[in-house]
Amino acid sequence: MASLTGKTALVTGATSGIGFGIASHFLSLGASVVIHGRDQEAASEAAAQLSADSDRCTGVSADLRDVGACRAMMQAAIAWKGGLDVLVNNAGMVDRGYLETAPVELWDDIMAVNLRAPFICLQEAVASMKTRGGGSIVNIGSVNAYIGAPKLGPYSVSKGGLMTFSRNAASALNRYKIRVNQLNVGWTLTDGEDAVQKRQGTRPDWLADAVAIMPFGRLLTPHEIALAAAYFASDDSALITGAVLDMEQAPLGAPADW
């Protein structure tokens, strides 16, 4: 099992869903974890829920669309323990939009959160990781990075950009022993996904419909994604960088009947 003992990690978008699952698993592996949320109260509540020891888990907040707030959040996370060993760029906007009709404002917000914020967070993290002799950055992408449903146009573009960003960063930063890898996540069962389905008018028992067409009879869970994130965050993958792991129930590009 991967060990994160002695490491300090920041997980963005960690007050619920995949981010919360990653933060929880990292704590179980010995890491000290900074939970980011858009709202400070929510971030602090999530941190307290995960650990009663405020020296093991703390919350920070920022609207990642704001460049200054994003940098300030990173600096606060780094200052907590005097440095950062692991950064997980998990926060993301999944708002729907067709390329031919999406408002420019929606495009800009999605790109700011899903692509620009990881770039800013990486810049701040790298400055700290260099002083610690290395580190690991894990970007949470999506299988939609390759091509997504029409209603996910801007989102898919942002995740495709994140994948290119990850590989370029890995190539540029390996001389500092800083690794950058990405998880392209498939359909995952979270409270946020349930809210999205209800918001777009899907019938209440959408999950039963979804499970019925999945090859393995269920959706991914946040814990399964956390297991993969821990592998890339830990020394178990010490010589792996620039990797993209597609987490889906069928090989991408294979003919699908589901």
C-alpha atoms as a PDB file:
ATOM      1  CA  MET A   1       0.000   0.000   0.000  1.00  0.00           C
ATOM      2  CA  ALA A   2       1.208   3.500  -0.829  1.00  0.00           C
ATOM      3  CA  SER A   3       2.535   5.586   2.031  1.00  0.00           C
ATOM      4  CA  LEU A   4       2.245   9.358   2.313  1.00  0.00           C
ATOM      5  CA  THR A   5       3.673   9.592   5.824  1.00  0.00           C
ATOM      6  CA  GLY A   6       5.512  12.854   6.338  1.00  0.00           C
ATOM      7  CA  LYS A   7       4.077  14.460   3.199  1.00  0.00           C
ATOM      8  CA  THR A   8       1.884  17.550   2.997  1.00  0.00           C
ATOM      9  CA  ALA A   9      -0.790  17.528   0.315  1.00  0.00           C
ATOM     10  CA  LEU A  10      -3.269  20.055  -1.030  1.00  0.00           C
ATOM     11  CA  VAL A  11      -6.435  18.828  -2.736  1.00  0.00           C
ATOM     12  CA  THR A  12      -8.511  21.436  -4.538  1.00  0.00           C
ATOM     13  CA  GLY A  13     -12.274  21.072  -4.698  1.00  0.00           C
ATOM     14  CA  ALA A  14     -12.199  18.706  -1.741  1.00  0.00           C
ATOM     15  CA  THR A  15     -15.299  19.591   0.279  1.00  0.00           C
ATOM     16  CA  SER A  16     -17.261  16.782  -1.404  1.00  0.00           C
ATOM     17  CA  GLY A  17     -17.160  14.115  -4.074  1.00  0.00           C
ATOM     18  CA  ILE A  18     -13.906  12.952  -5.639  1.00  0.00           C
ATOM     19  CA  GLY A  19     -11.785  15.562  -3.857  1.00  0.00           C
ATOM     20  CA  PHE A  20     -13.182  14.636  -0.462  1.00  0.00           C
ATOM     21  CA  GLY A  21     -12.511  10.967  -1.199  1.00  0.00           C
ATOM     22  CA  ILE A  22      -8.924  11.705  -2.167  1.00  0.00           C
ATOM     23  CA  ALA A  23      -8.331  13.835   0.933  1.00  0.00           C
ATOM     24  CA  SER A  24      -9.779  11.119   3.168  1.00  0.00           C
ATOM     25  CA  HIS A  25      -7.592   8.414   1.650  1.00  0.00           C
ATOM     26  CA  PHE A  26      -4.467  10.572   1.799  1.00  0.00           C
ATOM     27  CA  LEU A  27      -5.065  11.124   5.508  1.00  0.00           C
ATOM     28  CA  SER A  28      -5.377   7.366   6.027  1.00  0.00           C
ATOM     29  CA  LEU A  29      -1.971   6.966   4.363  1.00  0.00           C
ATOM     30  CA  GLY A  30      -0.297   9.361   6.785  1.00  0.00           C
ATOM     31  CA  ALA A  31      -0.352  12.660   4.906  1.00  0.00           C
ATOM     32  CA  SER A  32      -1.180  16.045   6.338  1.00  0.00           C
ATOM     33  CA  VAL A  33      -3.907  17.419   4.074  1.00  0.00           C
ATOM     34  CA  VAL A  34      -5.098  20.880   3.105  1.00  0.00           C
ATOM     35  CA  ILE A  35      -8.674  20.880   1.832  1.00  0.00           C
ATOM     36  CA  HIS A  36      -9.635  23.625  -0.580  1.00  0.00           C
ATOM     37  CA  GLY A  37     -13.180  24.805  -1.090  1.00  0.00           C
ATOM     38  CA  ARG A  38     -14.748  27.850  -2.634  1.00  0.00           C
ATOM     39  CA  ASP A  39     -16.292  28.692   0.740  1.00  0.00           C
ATOM     40  CA  GLN A  40     -14.148  28.828   3.894  1.00  0.00           C
ATOM     41  CA  GLU A  41     -16.881  27.512   6.165  1.00  0.00           C
ATOM     42  CA  ALA A  42     -17.416  24.475   3.948  1.00  0.00           C
ATOM     43  CA  ALA A  43     -13.666  23.843   3.718  1.00  0.00           C
ATOM     44  CA  SER A  44     -13.258  24.051   7.491  1.00  0.00           C
ATOM     45  CA  GLU A  45     -16.252  21.777   8.087  1.00  0.00           C
ATOM     46  CA  ALA A  46     -14.917  19.180   5.651  1.00  0.00           C
ATOM     47  CA  ALA A  47     -11.497  19.270   7.312  1.00  0.00           C
ATOM     48  CA  ALA A  48     -13.064  18.816  10.754  1.00  0.00           C
ATOM     49  CA  GLN A  49     -15.191  15.949   9.457  1.00  0.00           C
ATOM     50  CA  LEU A  50     -12.106  14.139   8.177  1.00  0.00           C
ATOM     51  CA  SER A  51      -9.895  14.716  11.209  1.00  0.00           C
ATOM     52  CA  ALA A  52     -10.390  16.093  14.700  1.00  0.00           C
ATOM     53  CA  ASP A  53      -6.686  16.925  14.697  1.00  0.00           C
ATOM     54  CA  SER A  54      -6.291  20.364  13.111  1.00  0.00           C
ATOM     55  CA  ASP A  55      -2.575  19.667  12.795  1.00  0.00           C
ATOM     56  CA  ARG A  56      -3.380  16.876  10.312  1.00  0.00           C
ATOM     57  CA  CYS A  57      -6.081  18.528   8.243  1.00  0.00           C
ATOM     58  CA  THR A  58      -7.045  22.129   7.590  1.00  0.00           C
ATOM     59  CA  GLY A  59      -9.230  24.064   5.165  1.00  0.00           C
ATOM     60  CA  VAL A  60      -8.492  26.952   2.815  1.00  0.00           C
ATOM     61  CA  SER A  61     -10.803  28.787   0.439  1.00  0.00           C
ATOM     62  CA  ALA A  62     -10.635  30.611  -2.879  1.00  0.00           C
ATOM     63  CA  ASP A  63     -12.710  31.278  -5.952  1.00  0.00           C
ATOM     64  CA  LEU A  64     -10.342  29.716  -8.476  1.00  0.00           C
ATOM     65  CA  ARG A  65     -11.594  32.054 -11.196  1.00  0.00           C
ATOM     66  CA  ASP A  66      -9.770  34.841  -9.353  1.00  0.00           C
ATOM     67  CA  VAL A  67      -6.016  34.766 -10.074  1.00  0.00           C
ATOM     68  CA  GLY A  68      -5.065  36.654  -6.905  1.00  0.00           C
ATOM     69  CA  ALA A  69      -7.287  34.507  -4.705  1.00  0.00           C
ATOM     70  CA  CYS A  70      -5.859  31.356  -6.294  1.00  0.00           C
ATOM     71  CA  ARG A  71      -2.280  32.408  -5.540  1.00  0.00           C
ATOM     72  CA  ALA A  72      -3.174  33.497  -2.006  1.00  0.00           C
ATOM     73  CA  MET A  73      -4.832  30.129  -1.363  1.00  0.00           C
ATOM     74  CA  MET A  74      -1.718  28.309  -2.520  1.00  0.00           C
ATOM     75  CA  GLN A  75       0.529  30.452  -0.372  1.00  0.00           C
ATOM     76  CA  ALA A  76      -1.665  29.808   2.676  1.00  0.00           C
ATOM     77  CA  ALA A  77      -1.558  26.054   2.043  1.00  0.00           C
ATOM     78  CA  ILE A  78       2.225  26.114   1.700  1.00  0.00           C
ATOM     79  CA  ALA A  79       2.654  28.233   4.832  1.00  0.00           C
ATOM     80  CA  TRP A  80       0.615  25.768   6.963  1.00  0.00           C
ATOM     81  CA  LYS A  81       3.456  23.243   7.189  1.00  0.00           C
ATOM     82  CA  GLY A  82       6.203  25.258   5.577  1.00  0.00           C
ATOM     83  CA  GLY A  83       6.020  23.513   2.225  1.00  0.00           C
ATOM     84  CA  LEU A  84       4.069  21.266  -0.105  1.00  0.00           C
ATOM     85  CA  ASP A  85       4.922  17.773  -1.361  1.00  0.00           C
ATOM     86  CA  VAL A  86       1.751  16.875  -3.248  1.00  0.00           C
ATOM     87  CA  LEU A  87      -0.735  18.956  -5.230  1.00  0.00           C
ATOM     88  CA  VAL A  88      -3.964  17.443  -6.520  1.00  0.00           C
ATOM     89  CA  ASN A  89      -5.745  19.705  -9.001  1.00  0.00           C
ATOM     90  CA  ASN A  90      -9.221  18.276  -8.636  1.00  0.00           C
ATOM     91  CA  ALA A  91     -11.563  21.293  -8.626  1.00  0.00           C
ATOM     92  CA  GLY A  92     -13.565  21.635 -11.798  1.00  0.00           C
ATOM     93  CA  MET A  93     -16.643  23.133 -13.410  1.00  0.00           C
ATOM     94  CA  VAL A  94     -18.853  20.615 -15.189  1.00  0.00           C
ATOM     95  CA  ASP A  95     -21.475  23.051 -16.467  1.00  0.00           C
ATOM     96  CA  ARG A  96     -23.106  21.973 -19.712  1.00  0.00           C
ATOM     97  CA  GLY A  97     -22.720  23.930 -22.931  1.00  0.00           C
ATOM     98  CA  TYR A  98     -22.765  23.308 -26.683  1.00  0.00           C
ATOM     99  CA  LEU A  99     -19.834  24.760 -28.612  1.00  0.00           C
ATOM    100  CA  GLU A 100     -22.132  26.491 -31.077  1.00  0.00           C
ATOM    101  CA  THR A 101     -24.281  28.204 -28.439  1.00  0.00           C
ATOM    102  CA  ALA A 102     -22.309  28.405 -25.175  1.00  0.00           C
ATOM    103  CA  PRO A 103     -21.972  31.949 -23.815  1.00  0.00           C
ATOM    104  CA  VAL A 104     -18.426  33.306 -23.867  1.00  0.00           C
ATOM    105  CA  GLU A 105     -18.756  33.889 -20.114  1.00  0.00           C
ATOM    106  CA  LEU A 106     -19.374  30.167 -19.544  1.00  0.00           C
ATOM    107  CA  TRP A 107     -16.364  29.266 -21.699  1.00  0.00           C
ATOM    108  CA  ASP A 108     -14.162  31.699 -19.772  1.00  0.00           C
ATOM    109  CA  ASP A 109     -15.298  30.429 -16.360  1.00  0.00           C
ATOM    110  CA  ILE A 110     -14.728  26.780 -17.312  1.00  0.00           C
ATOM    111  CA  MET A 111     -11.274  27.505 -18.698  1.00  0.00           C
ATOM    112  CA  ALA A 112     -10.387  29.603 -15.646  1.00  0.00           C
ATOM    113  CA  VAL A 113     -11.268  26.860 -13.155  1.00  0.00           C
ATOM    114  CA  ASN A 114     -10.396  23.723 -15.120  1.00  0.00           C
ATOM    115  CA  LEU A 115      -7.237  24.867 -16.900  1.00  0.00           C
ATOM    116  CA  ARG A 116      -5.880  28.217 -15.698  1.00  0.00           C
ATOM    117  CA  ALA A 117      -6.212  27.439 -11.984  1.00  0.00           C
ATOM    118  CA  PRO A 118      -4.132  24.228 -12.245  1.00  0.00           C
ATOM    119  CA  PHE A 119      -1.491  26.285 -14.077  1.00  0.00           C
ATOM    120  CA  ILE A 120      -1.418  28.892 -11.285  1.00  0.00           C
ATOM    121  CA  CYS A 121      -1.459  26.250  -8.556  1.00  0.00           C
ATOM    122  CA  LEU A 122       1.397  24.424 -10.266  1.00  0.00           C
ATOM    123  CA  GLN A 123       3.492  27.590 -10.409  1.00  0.00           C
ATOM    124  CA  GLU A 124       3.133  28.170  -6.676  1.00  0.00           C
ATOM    125  CA  ALA A 125       3.594  24.488  -5.798  1.00  0.00           C
ATOM    126  CA  VAL A 126       6.743  24.129  -7.883  1.00  0.00           C
ATOM    127  CA  ALA A 127       8.426  27.027  -6.066  1.00  0.00           C
ATOM    128  CA  SER A 128       7.910  25.104  -2.800  1.00  0.00           C
ATOM    129  CA  MET A 129       8.677  21.637  -4.172  1.00  0.00           C
ATOM    130  CA  LYS A 130      12.030  22.780  -5.543  1.00  0.00           C
ATOM    131  CA  THR A 131      13.156  23.584  -2.004  1.00  0.00           C
ATOM    132  CA  ARG A 132      12.085  20.113  -0.835  1.00  0.00           C
ATOM    133  CA  GLY A 133      13.938  18.196  -3.519  1.00  0.00           C
ATOM    134  CA  GLY A 134      10.886  17.217  -5.525  1.00  0.00           C
ATOM    135  CA  GLY A 135       7.177  16.559  -5.372  1.00  0.00           C
ATOM    136  CA  SER A 136       4.158  15.153  -7.148  1.00  0.00           C
ATOM    137  CA  ILE A 137       1.347  16.921  -8.984  1.00  0.00           C
ATOM    138  CA  VAL A 138      -1.757  14.921  -9.866  1.00  0.00           C
ATOM    139  CA  ASN A 139      -4.279  16.482 -12.230  1.00  0.00           C
ATOM    140  CA  ILE A 140      -7.808  15.095 -12.249  1.00  0.00           C
ATOM    141  CA  GLY A 141      -8.989  15.061 -15.831  1.00  0.00           C
ATOM    142  CA  SER A 142     -11.781  13.282 -17.649  1.00  0.00           C
ATOM    143  CA  VAL A 143     -12.208  10.717 -20.388  1.00  0.00           C
ATOM    144  CA  ASN A 144     -14.040  13.549 -22.118  1.00  0.00           C
ATOM    145  CA  ALA A 145     -10.575  15.010 -22.766  1.00  0.00           C
ATOM    146  CA  TYR A 146     -10.524  13.009 -26.006  1.00  0.00           C
ATOM    147  CA  ILE A 147     -14.028  13.820 -27.183  1.00  0.00           C
ATOM    148  CA  GLY A 148     -17.146  14.343 -25.117  1.00  0.00           C
ATOM    149  CA  ALA A 149     -20.873  14.487 -25.556  1.00  0.00           C
ATOM    150  CA  PRO A 150     -21.979  17.558 -27.548  1.00  0.00           C
ATOM    151  CA  LYS A 151     -23.415  19.181 -24.434  1.00  0.00           C
ATOM    152  CA  LEU A 152     -19.990  18.964 -22.774  1.00  0.00           C
ATOM    153  CA  GLY A 153     -18.098  20.923 -25.434  1.00  0.00           C
ATOM    154  CA  PRO A 154     -16.290  23.595 -23.363  1.00  0.00           C
ATOM    155  CA  TYR A 155     -15.710  21.145 -20.492  1.00  0.00           C
ATOM    156  CA  SER A 156     -14.158  18.568 -22.844  1.00  0.00           C
ATOM    157  CA  VAL A 157     -11.859  21.175 -24.384  1.00  0.00           C
ATOM    158  CA  SER A 158     -10.687  22.243 -20.927  1.00  0.00           C
ATOM    159  CA  LYS A 159      -9.824  18.665 -19.971  1.00  0.00           C
ATOM    160  CA  GLY A 160      -8.031  18.078 -23.258  1.00  0.00           C
ATOM    161  CA  GLY A 161      -5.980  21.180 -22.541  1.00  0.00           C
ATOM    162  CA  LEU A 162      -5.256  19.903 -19.045  1.00  0.00           C
ATOM    163  CA  MET A 163      -3.880  16.673 -20.491  1.00  0.00           C
ATOM    164  CA  THR A 164      -1.510  18.558 -22.809  1.00  0.00           C
ATOM    165  CA  PHE A 165      -0.555  20.806 -19.898  1.00  0.00           C
ATOM    166  CA  SER A 166       0.235  17.777 -17.713  1.00  0.00           C
ATOM    167  CA  ARG A 167       2.555  16.195 -20.253  1.00  0.00           C
ATOM    168  CA  ASN A 168       4.375  19.428 -21.002  1.00  0.00           C
ATOM    169  CA  ALA A 169       4.783  20.193 -17.301  1.00  0.00           C
ATOM    170  CA  ALA A 170       6.122  16.687 -16.690  1.00  0.00           C
ATOM    171  CA  SER A 171       8.744  17.198 -19.383  1.00  0.00           C
ATOM    172  CA  ALA A 172       9.757  20.607 -18.051  1.00  0.00           C
ATOM    173  CA  LEU A 173       9.859  19.741 -14.352  1.00  0.00           C
ATOM    174  CA  ASN A 174      11.500  16.312 -14.213  1.00  0.00           C
ATOM    175  CA  ARG A 175      14.918  17.944 -13.777  1.00  0.00           C
ATOM    176  CA  TYR A 176      13.664  19.114 -10.372  1.00  0.00           C
ATOM    177  CA  LYS A 177      12.321  15.642  -9.504  1.00  0.00           C
ATOM    178  CA  ILE A 178       8.816  17.062  -9.683  1.00  0.00           C
ATOM    179  CA  ARG A 179       6.415  14.598 -11.320  1.00  0.00           C
ATOM    180  CA  VAL A 180       3.155  15.473 -13.078  1.00  0.00           C
ATOM    181  CA  ASN A 181       0.562  12.819 -13.942  1.00  0.00           C
ATOM    182  CA  GLN A 182      -3.115  12.858 -14.823  1.00  0.00           C
ATOM    183  CA  LEU A 183      -6.157  10.697 -14.117  1.00  0.00           C
ATOM    184  CA  ASN A 184      -8.822  10.798 -16.819  1.00  0.00           C
ATOM    185  CA  VAL A 185     -11.862   9.812 -14.841  1.00  0.00           C
ATOM    186  CA  GLY A 186     -14.989   8.198 -16.205  1.00  0.00           C
ATOM    187  CA  TRP A 187     -18.547   8.349 -14.880  1.00  0.00           C
ATOM    188  CA  THR A 188     -18.312   8.570 -11.083  1.00  0.00           C
ATOM    189  CA  LEU A 189     -21.065   8.406  -8.488  1.00  0.00           C
ATOM    190  CA  THR A 190     -20.967  11.522  -6.286  1.00  0.00           C
ATOM    191  CA  ASP A 191     -23.464  13.904  -4.709  1.00  0.00           C
ATOM    192  CA  GLY A 192     -22.386  16.449  -7.307  1.00  0.00           C
ATOM    193  CA  GLU A 193     -23.191  14.093 -10.185  1.00  0.00           C
ATOM    194  CA  ASP A 194     -26.624  13.453  -8.694  1.00  0.00           C
ATOM    195  CA  ALA A 195     -27.217  17.205  -8.482  1.00  0.00           C
ATOM    196  CA  VAL A 196     -26.134  17.699 -12.108  1.00  0.00           C
ATOM    197  CA  GLN A 197     -28.445  14.940 -13.327  1.00  0.00           C
ATOM    198  CA  LYS A 198     -31.400  16.434 -11.463  1.00  0.00           C
ATOM    199  CA  ARG A 199     -30.575  19.941 -12.660  1.00  0.00           C
ATOM    200  CA  GLN A 200     -30.671  18.863 -16.300  1.00  0.00           C
ATOM    201  CA  GLY A 201     -34.044  17.167 -15.868  1.00  0.00           C
ATOM    202  CA  THR A 202     -32.994  13.528 -15.815  1.00  0.00           C
ATOM    203  CA  ARG A 203     -35.618  11.306 -14.236  1.00  0.00           C
ATOM    204  CA  PRO A 204     -35.190  10.648 -10.482  1.00  0.00           C
ATOM    205  CA  ASP A 205     -33.996   7.051 -10.887  1.00  0.00           C
ATOM    206  CA  TRP A 206     -31.255   8.016 -13.374  1.00  0.00           C
ATOM    207  CA  LEU A 207     -28.735   5.921 -11.466  1.00  0.00           C
ATOM    208  CA  ALA A 208     -30.635   2.682 -12.126  1.00  0.00           C
ATOM    209  CA  ASP A 209     -30.686   3.541 -15.821  1.00  0.00           C
ATOM    210  CA  ALA A 210     -26.953   4.324 -15.797  1.00  0.00           C
ATOM    211  CA  VAL A 211     -25.972   1.173 -13.925  1.00  0.00           C
ATOM    212  CA  ALA A 212     -28.015  -0.978 -16.292  1.00  0.00           C
ATOM    213  CA  ILE A 213     -25.831  -0.037 -19.266  1.00  0.00           C
ATOM    214  CA  MET A 214     -22.433  -0.147 -17.556  1.00  0.00           C
ATOM    215  CA  PRO A 215     -20.255  -3.211 -18.324  1.00  0.00           C
ATOM    216  CA  PHE A 216     -19.369  -3.767 -14.658  1.00  0.00           C
ATOM    217  CA  GLY A 217     -22.836  -2.930 -13.369  1.00  0.00           C
ATOM    218  CA  ARG A 218     -21.945   0.211 -11.413  1.00  0.00           C
ATOM    219  CA  LEU A 219     -20.250   3.605 -11.618  1.00  0.00           C
ATOM    220  CA  LEU A 220     -16.781   4.467 -10.350  1.00  0.00           C
ATOM    221  CA  THR A 221     -16.479   5.589  -6.728  1.00  0.00           C
ATOM    222  CA  PRO A 222     -14.399   8.443  -5.297  1.00  0.00           C
ATOM    223  CA  HIS A 223     -12.374   5.900  -3.315  1.00  0.00           C
ATOM    224  CA  GLU A 224     -11.288   4.099  -6.476  1.00  0.00           C
ATOM    225  CA  ILE A 225     -10.038   7.369  -7.899  1.00  0.00           C
ATOM    226  CA  ALA A 226      -8.323   8.110  -4.581  1.00  0.00           C
ATOM    227  CA  LEU A 227      -6.408   4.822  -4.824  1.00  0.00           C
ATOM    228  CA  ALA A 228      -5.008   5.850  -8.205  1.00  0.00           C
ATOM    229  CA  ALA A 229      -4.242   9.376  -7.000  1.00  0.00           C
ATOM    230  CA  ALA A 230      -2.341   7.956  -4.017  1.00  0.00           C
ATOM    231  CA  TYR A 231      -0.216   5.831  -6.329  1.00  0.00           C
ATOM    232  CA  PHE A 232       0.862   8.871  -8.327  1.00  0.00           C
ATOM    233  CA  ALA A 233       1.297  10.985  -5.189  1.00  0.00           C
ATOM    234  CA  SER A 234       3.487   8.441  -3.416  1.00  0.00           C
ATOM    235  CA  ASP A 235       6.991   7.130  -3.961  1.00  0.00           C
ATOM    236  CA  ASP A 236       5.435   3.939  -5.385  1.00  0.00           C
ATOM    237  CA  SER A 237       5.477   5.797  -8.725  1.00  0.00           C
ATOM    238  CA  ALA A 238       8.815   7.507  -8.081  1.00  0.00           C
ATOM    239  CA  LEU A 239      10.011   7.234 -11.695  1.00  0.00           C
ATOM    240  CA  ILE A 240       6.699   7.808 -13.455  1.00  0.00           C
ATOM    241  CA  THR A 241       5.840  11.213 -14.885  1.00  0.00           C
ATOM    242  CA  GLY A 242       3.795  12.447 -17.816  1.00  0.00           C
ATOM    243  CA  ALA A 243       1.470   9.449 -17.537  1.00  0.00           C
ATOM    244  CA  VAL A 244      -2.254   9.665 -18.256  1.00  0.00           C
ATOM    245  CA  LEU A 245      -4.388   6.922 -16.708  1.00  0.00           C
ATOM    246  CA  ASP A 246      -7.818   6.509 -18.302  1.00  0.00           C
ATOM    247  CA  MET A 247     -10.233   5.234 -15.674  1.00  0.00           C
ATOM    248  CA  GLU A 248     -13.161   3.894 -17.669  1.00  0.00           C
ATOM    249  CA  GLN A 249     -15.024   0.603 -18.038  1.00  0.00           C
ATOM    250  CA  ALA A 250     -14.045   0.021 -21.664  1.00  0.00           C
ATOM    251  CA  PRO A 251     -10.916   0.930 -23.651  1.00  0.00           C
ATOM    252  CA  LEU A 252     -11.407   4.347 -25.171  1.00  0.00           C
ATOM    253  CA  GLY A 253     -12.154   4.089 -28.875  1.00  0.00           C
ATOM    254  CA  ALA A 254     -13.505   0.551 -28.616  1.00  0.00           C
ATOM    255  CA  PRO A 255     -16.955  -0.052 -30.149  1.00  0.00           C
ATOM    256  CA  ALA A 256     -19.490   0.399 -27.376  1.00  0.00           C
ATOM    257  CA  ASP A 257     -22.945  -1.098 -26.970  1.00  0.00           C
ATOM    258  CA  TRP A 258     -23.598   0.586 -23.620  1.00  0.00           C
END
